């Protein structure tokens, strides 16, 4: 377990690709999250919050899973729009337009599950975001599975966050239109409902997952809630622009 964690972190840090056939996949979620935690520990980096993935049917199908997964967002890989992000060709980067939240107060571990209303009250601000996803493992995301993708930092490469909106409670985030363009060409589009039917439902899922794991969530942390636009392949030299209705625009250039 420690060896796989070490190899995953080194592949992320150094831009390497690990041969899938040479890896032993975690056999269950507990093992996958343990490997992920060890990889984060070996990185020595501070977490800014979490990304939640596999919240849409398309993403679940691509990863061969039926449930979401989470991973810490490591500080050097979180950017403010407009941003410039470096890509490793072998990591097969793809883009997702997502809704992100910033927590206004702690949600500590507890026995009772957190509710929708509690999460809504705990959120300080909302923003549009572009998550760059990709695998440090050969073959890309298709067929990697939930457990190995969880171990591999939740297949996060980077998160580019747009302007934060504090006056958001009048918005119906389920209906918020989200669209992606790359070099001006239209790509994926959808609404907030693509993420578990409601991006706030993703926050409830994460709060209860982290509560059960004895950590909880903390004030100031940011959470990206999964794709509203599908997955769009991107290459070095291209520029992406995602629009989020009342939440504005997020831009990222890739090299």
Protein backbone atom coordinates (compact mmCIF):
# COMPACT_ATOMS: atom_id res chain seq x y z
CA UNK A 1 0.00 0.00 0.00
CA UNK A 2 2.76 2.44 0.95
CA UNK A 3 4.69 1.60 -2.21
CA UNK A 4 1.73 2.28 -4.50
CA UNK A 5 1.06 5.57 -2.68
CA UNK A 6 4.68 6.57 -3.16
CA UNK A 7 4.59 5.73 -6.85
CA UNK A 8 1.34 7.63 -7.40
CA UNK A 9 2.69 10.77 -5.74
CA UNK A 10 5.99 10.58 -7.66
CA UNK A 11 4.06 10.15 -10.92
CA UNK A 12 2.01 13.25 -10.15
CA UNK A 13 5.00 15.28 -9.00
CA UNK A 14 7.35 14.26 -11.79
CA UNK A 15 4.92 13.86 -14.71
CA UNK A 16 5.33 10.09 -15.00
CA UNK A 17 2.93 7.44 -16.20
CA UNK A 18 2.58 4.13 -14.34
CA UNK A 19 1.92 0.96 -16.32
CA UNK A 20 -1.50 -0.32 -15.31
CA UNK A 21 -0.63 -4.00 -15.72
CA UNK A 22 2.16 -3.63 -13.16
CA UNK A 23 -0.18 -2.30 -10.45
CA UNK A 24 -2.34 -4.16 -7.97
CA UNK A 25 -5.63 -2.30 -7.66
CA UNK A 26 -7.12 -1.68 -4.20
CA UNK A 27 -9.70 -4.33 -3.44
CA UNK A 28 -12.17 -2.09 -1.60
CA UNK A 29 -12.95 1.54 -0.78
CA UNK A 30 -11.25 1.44 2.63
CA UNK A 31 -7.98 0.34 1.05
CA UNK A 32 -8.31 2.90 -1.76
CA UNK A 33 -8.77 5.80 0.68
CA UNK A 34 -5.88 4.55 2.81
CA UNK A 35 -3.59 4.63 -0.23
CA UNK A 36 -4.88 8.08 -1.15
CA UNK A 37 -4.22 9.36 2.39
CA UNK A 38 -0.70 7.96 2.34
CA UNK A 39 -0.01 9.54 -1.06
CA UNK A 40 -1.20 12.91 0.29
CA UNK A 41 0.97 12.44 3.39
CA UNK A 42 4.02 11.68 1.26
CA UNK A 43 3.40 14.81 -0.82
CA UNK A 44 3.78 16.99 2.27
CA UNK A 45 1.27 19.41 0.72
CA UNK A 46 -1.59 21.26 2.38
CA UNK A 47 -5.16 20.42 1.34
CA UNK A 48 -7.43 23.32 0.39
CA UNK A 49 -10.60 21.23 0.46
CA UNK A 50 -12.05 18.36 -1.58
CA UNK A 51 -13.11 17.32 -5.03
CA UNK A 52 -16.02 14.94 -5.43
CA UNK A 53 -16.15 12.87 -8.59
CA UNK A 54 -18.45 10.36 -10.27
CA UNK A 55 -21.51 12.45 -9.45
CA UNK A 56 -22.91 12.16 -12.99
CA UNK A 57 -24.01 9.05 -14.85
CA UNK A 58 -21.47 9.79 -17.60
CA UNK A 59 -18.55 9.97 -15.18
CA UNK A 60 -19.71 6.85 -13.35
CA UNK A 61 -19.92 4.94 -16.62
CA UNK A 62 -16.43 6.05 -17.66
CA UNK A 63 -14.93 4.95 -14.33
CA UNK A 64 -16.99 1.79 -14.11
CA UNK A 65 -18.63 2.76 -10.81
CA UNK A 66 -22.06 3.49 -9.37
CA UNK A 67 -21.06 5.83 -6.53
CA UNK A 68 -19.20 9.09 -5.95
CA UNK A 69 -15.68 9.36 -4.59
CA UNK A 70 -13.70 12.15 -2.94
CA UNK A 71 -10.10 13.34 -2.73
CA UNK A 72 -8.27 16.28 -1.15
CA UNK A 73 -7.50 19.31 -3.32
CA UNK A 74 -3.79 19.94 -2.82
CA UNK A 75 -2.83 23.62 -2.62
CA UNK A 76 -0.34 23.87 -5.54
CA UNK A 77 -2.96 22.46 -7.91
CA UNK A 78 -5.73 24.95 -7.03
CA UNK A 79 -5.77 28.08 -9.23
CA UNK A 80 -7.79 31.25 -9.52
CA UNK A 81 -9.23 32.10 -12.95
CA UNK A 82 -7.79 33.12 -15.34
CA UNK A 83 -5.07 30.51 -14.93
CA UNK A 84 -2.32 28.75 -16.82
CA UNK A 85 -2.03 25.04 -16.12
CA UNK A 86 0.67 22.60 -17.24
CA UNK A 87 -0.36 19.22 -18.64
CA UNK A 88 1.47 15.91 -18.96
CA UNK A 89 0.49 14.28 -22.30
CA UNK A 90 0.40 10.76 -20.86
CA UNK A 91 -2.07 11.78 -18.16
CA UNK A 92 -4.83 12.20 -20.79
CA UNK A 93 -6.33 15.38 -19.36
CA UNK A 94 -10.04 16.11 -19.64
CA UNK A 95 -12.07 19.11 -18.48
CA UNK A 96 -15.21 19.31 -16.38
CA UNK A 97 -17.31 22.39 -15.67
CA UNK A 98 -18.30 22.18 -12.00
CA UNK A 99 -20.00 24.15 -9.24
CA UNK A 100 -17.74 24.79 -6.24
CA UNK A 101 -18.63 25.77 -2.68
CA UNK A 102 -16.70 27.47 0.11
CA UNK A 103 -17.57 26.59 3.69
CA UNK A 104 -18.30 29.36 6.17
CA UNK A 105 -17.98 27.26 9.34
CA UNK A 106 -16.80 23.86 10.55
CA UNK A 107 -18.85 20.70 10.16
CA UNK A 108 -17.20 18.43 12.74
CA UNK A 109 -17.63 14.66 12.97
CA UNK A 110 -20.79 13.57 14.77
CA UNK A 111 -23.10 10.59 15.12
CA UNK A 112 -26.16 12.18 13.45
CA UNK A 113 -26.05 12.66 9.67
CA UNK A 114 -25.84 16.18 8.30
CA UNK A 115 -28.93 17.43 6.47
CA UNK A 116 -29.50 19.42 3.31
CA UNK A 117 -30.58 22.48 5.27
CA UNK A 118 -27.47 22.34 7.46
CA UNK A 119 -25.19 22.23 4.44
CA UNK A 120 -27.03 25.09 2.78
CA UNK A 121 -26.57 27.17 5.93
CA UNK A 122 -22.88 26.25 6.24
CA UNK A 123 -21.90 27.46 2.75
CA UNK A 124 -20.29 30.88 2.60
CA UNK A 125 -19.93 31.29 -1.17
CA UNK A 126 -20.39 29.58 -4.56
CA UNK A 127 -18.26 29.72 -7.71
CA UNK A 128 -17.94 28.13 -11.10
CA UNK A 129 -14.86 25.95 -11.59
CA UNK A 130 -13.02 23.93 -14.20
CA UNK A 131 -11.61 20.68 -12.90
CA UNK A 132 -8.81 19.13 -14.92
CA UNK A 133 -8.93 15.36 -14.47
CA UNK A 134 -6.62 12.64 -15.71
CA UNK A 135 -4.87 9.50 -14.59
CA UNK A 136 -1.24 8.92 -13.73
CA UNK A 137 -1.92 5.35 -14.83
CA UNK A 138 -1.60 4.15 -18.44
CA UNK A 139 -4.78 3.85 -20.47
CA UNK A 140 -6.52 6.94 -19.13
CA UNK A 141 -9.75 7.12 -17.16
CA UNK A 142 -11.78 4.54 -19.07
CA UNK A 143 -12.05 1.35 -17.03
CA UNK A 144 -9.77 2.53 -14.22
CA UNK A 145 -12.52 1.82 -11.67
CA UNK A 146 -13.60 3.69 -8.55
CA UNK A 147 -10.97 2.21 -6.23
CA UNK A 148 -7.87 2.89 -8.33
CA UNK A 149 -9.15 6.34 -9.33
CA UNK A 150 -9.72 7.14 -5.64
CA UNK A 151 -6.18 6.07 -4.78
CA UNK A 152 -4.81 8.19 -7.65
CA UNK A 153 -5.78 11.49 -5.94
CA UNK A 154 -9.33 11.09 -7.25
CA UNK A 155 -7.79 11.58 -10.74
CA UNK A 156 -7.47 15.29 -9.99
CA UNK A 157 -4.86 17.24 -11.98
CA UNK A 158 -5.96 20.79 -11.12
CA UNK A 159 -8.92 22.94 -10.17
CA UNK A 160 -9.41 26.45 -11.58
CA UNK A 161 -11.91 28.47 -9.55
CA UNK A 162 -13.85 31.49 -10.80
CA UNK A 163 -15.11 34.52 -8.84
CA UNK A 164 -16.82 33.72 -5.56
CA UNK A 165 -20.46 34.77 -5.13
CA UNK A 166 -21.71 35.26 -1.57
CA UNK A 167 -25.23 36.34 -2.53
CA UNK A 168 -26.21 32.97 -4.01
CA UNK A 169 -29.21 31.71 -2.05
CA UNK A 170 -31.66 33.13 -4.55
CA UNK A 171 -30.18 30.93 -7.28
CA UNK A 172 -31.58 27.51 -8.16
CA UNK A 173 -28.26 25.74 -8.66
CA UNK A 174 -30.02 22.68 -10.08
CA UNK A 175 -31.07 24.78 -13.08
CA UNK A 176 -27.85 26.78 -13.44
CA UNK A 177 -26.65 26.48 -17.07
CA UNK A 178 -23.02 25.44 -17.51
CA UNK A 179 -21.19 25.24 -20.85
CA UNK A 180 -17.61 24.59 -21.92
CA UNK A 181 -15.70 25.85 -24.96
CA UNK A 182 -12.15 24.98 -26.00
CA UNK A 183 -10.43 27.41 -28.34
CA UNK A 184 -13.86 28.92 -28.97
CA UNK A 185 -15.41 25.63 -30.07
CA UNK A 186 -18.52 24.52 -28.12
CA UNK A 187 -18.03 21.36 -26.09
CA UNK A 188 -19.99 19.93 -23.19
CA UNK A 189 -22.96 21.61 -21.54
CA UNK A 190 -25.55 20.88 -18.88
CA UNK A 191 -26.97 22.16 -15.61
CA UNK A 192 -26.17 21.83 -11.93
CA UNK A 193 -28.62 18.93 -11.71
CA UNK A 194 -26.10 16.75 -13.53
CA UNK A 195 -24.24 16.40 -10.20
CA UNK A 196 -26.34 13.95 -8.14
CA UNK A 197 -29.48 15.85 -9.14
CA UNK A 198 -28.38 18.87 -7.10
CA UNK A 199 -24.82 20.07 -6.29
CA UNK A 200 -25.94 20.68 -2.71
CA UNK A 201 -26.75 16.96 -2.47
CA UNK A 202 -23.07 16.34 -3.27
CA UNK A 203 -22.14 18.53 -0.30
CA UNK A 204 -24.42 16.49 1.96
CA UNK A 205 -22.80 13.28 0.71
CA UNK A 206 -19.29 14.62 1.34
CA UNK A 207 -20.09 16.05 4.78
CA UNK A 208 -21.45 12.71 5.91
CA UNK A 209 -18.59 10.77 4.33
CA UNK A 210 -15.99 12.93 6.09
CA UNK A 211 -17.95 12.85 9.35
CA UNK A 212 -17.97 9.05 9.24
CA UNK A 213 -14.23 9.09 8.59
CA UNK A 214 -13.67 11.14 11.74
CA UNK A 215 -12.50 14.30 9.99
CA UNK A 216 -15.47 16.45 9.06
CA UNK A 217 -15.20 19.61 6.97
CA UNK A 218 -13.62 22.91 7.97
CA UNK A 219 -14.38 26.60 7.52
CA UNK A 220 -12.65 28.05 4.47
CA UNK A 221 -12.35 24.74 2.64
CA UNK A 222 -13.57 24.58 -0.95
CA UNK A 223 -15.38 21.68 -2.56
CA UNK A 224 -15.93 20.96 -6.24
CA UNK A 225 -19.03 18.87 -6.78
CA UNK A 226 -18.58 16.99 -10.07
CA UNK A 227 -19.12 17.65 -13.72
CA UNK A 228 -22.09 19.52 -15.16
CA UNK A 229 -20.64 19.43 -18.70
CA UNK A 230 -19.33 15.90 -19.16
CA UNK A 231 -15.66 15.27 -19.93
CA UNK A 232 -13.88 17.12 -22.75
CA UNK A 233 -10.34 16.17 -23.79
CA UNK A 234 -7.82 19.01 -23.76
CA UNK A 235 -4.25 19.38 -25.02
CA UNK A 236 -1.35 21.72 -24.38
CA UNK A 237 -1.71 24.95 -26.36
CA UNK A 238 -5.49 25.08 -26.00
CA UNK A 239 -7.59 27.50 -23.94
CA UNK A 240 -10.85 26.64 -22.17
CA UNK A 241 -13.69 28.92 -21.13
CA UNK A 242 -16.59 27.73 -19.00
CA UNK A 243 -19.68 29.86 -18.40
CA UNK A 244 -21.90 29.46 -15.34
CA UNK A 245 -24.86 31.81 -15.82
CA UNK A 246 -25.06 34.20 -12.88
CA UNK A 247 -21.79 32.79 -11.44
CA UNK A 248 -19.77 34.16 -14.33
CA UNK A 249 -16.89 32.77 -16.38
CA UNK A 250 -13.85 30.58 -15.65
CA UNK A 251 -10.85 30.57 -18.01
CA UNK A 252 -7.77 28.36 -18.22
CA UNK A 253 -4.92 28.09 -20.72
CA UNK A 254 -2.86 24.93 -20.97
CA UNK A 255 0.82 24.37 -21.68
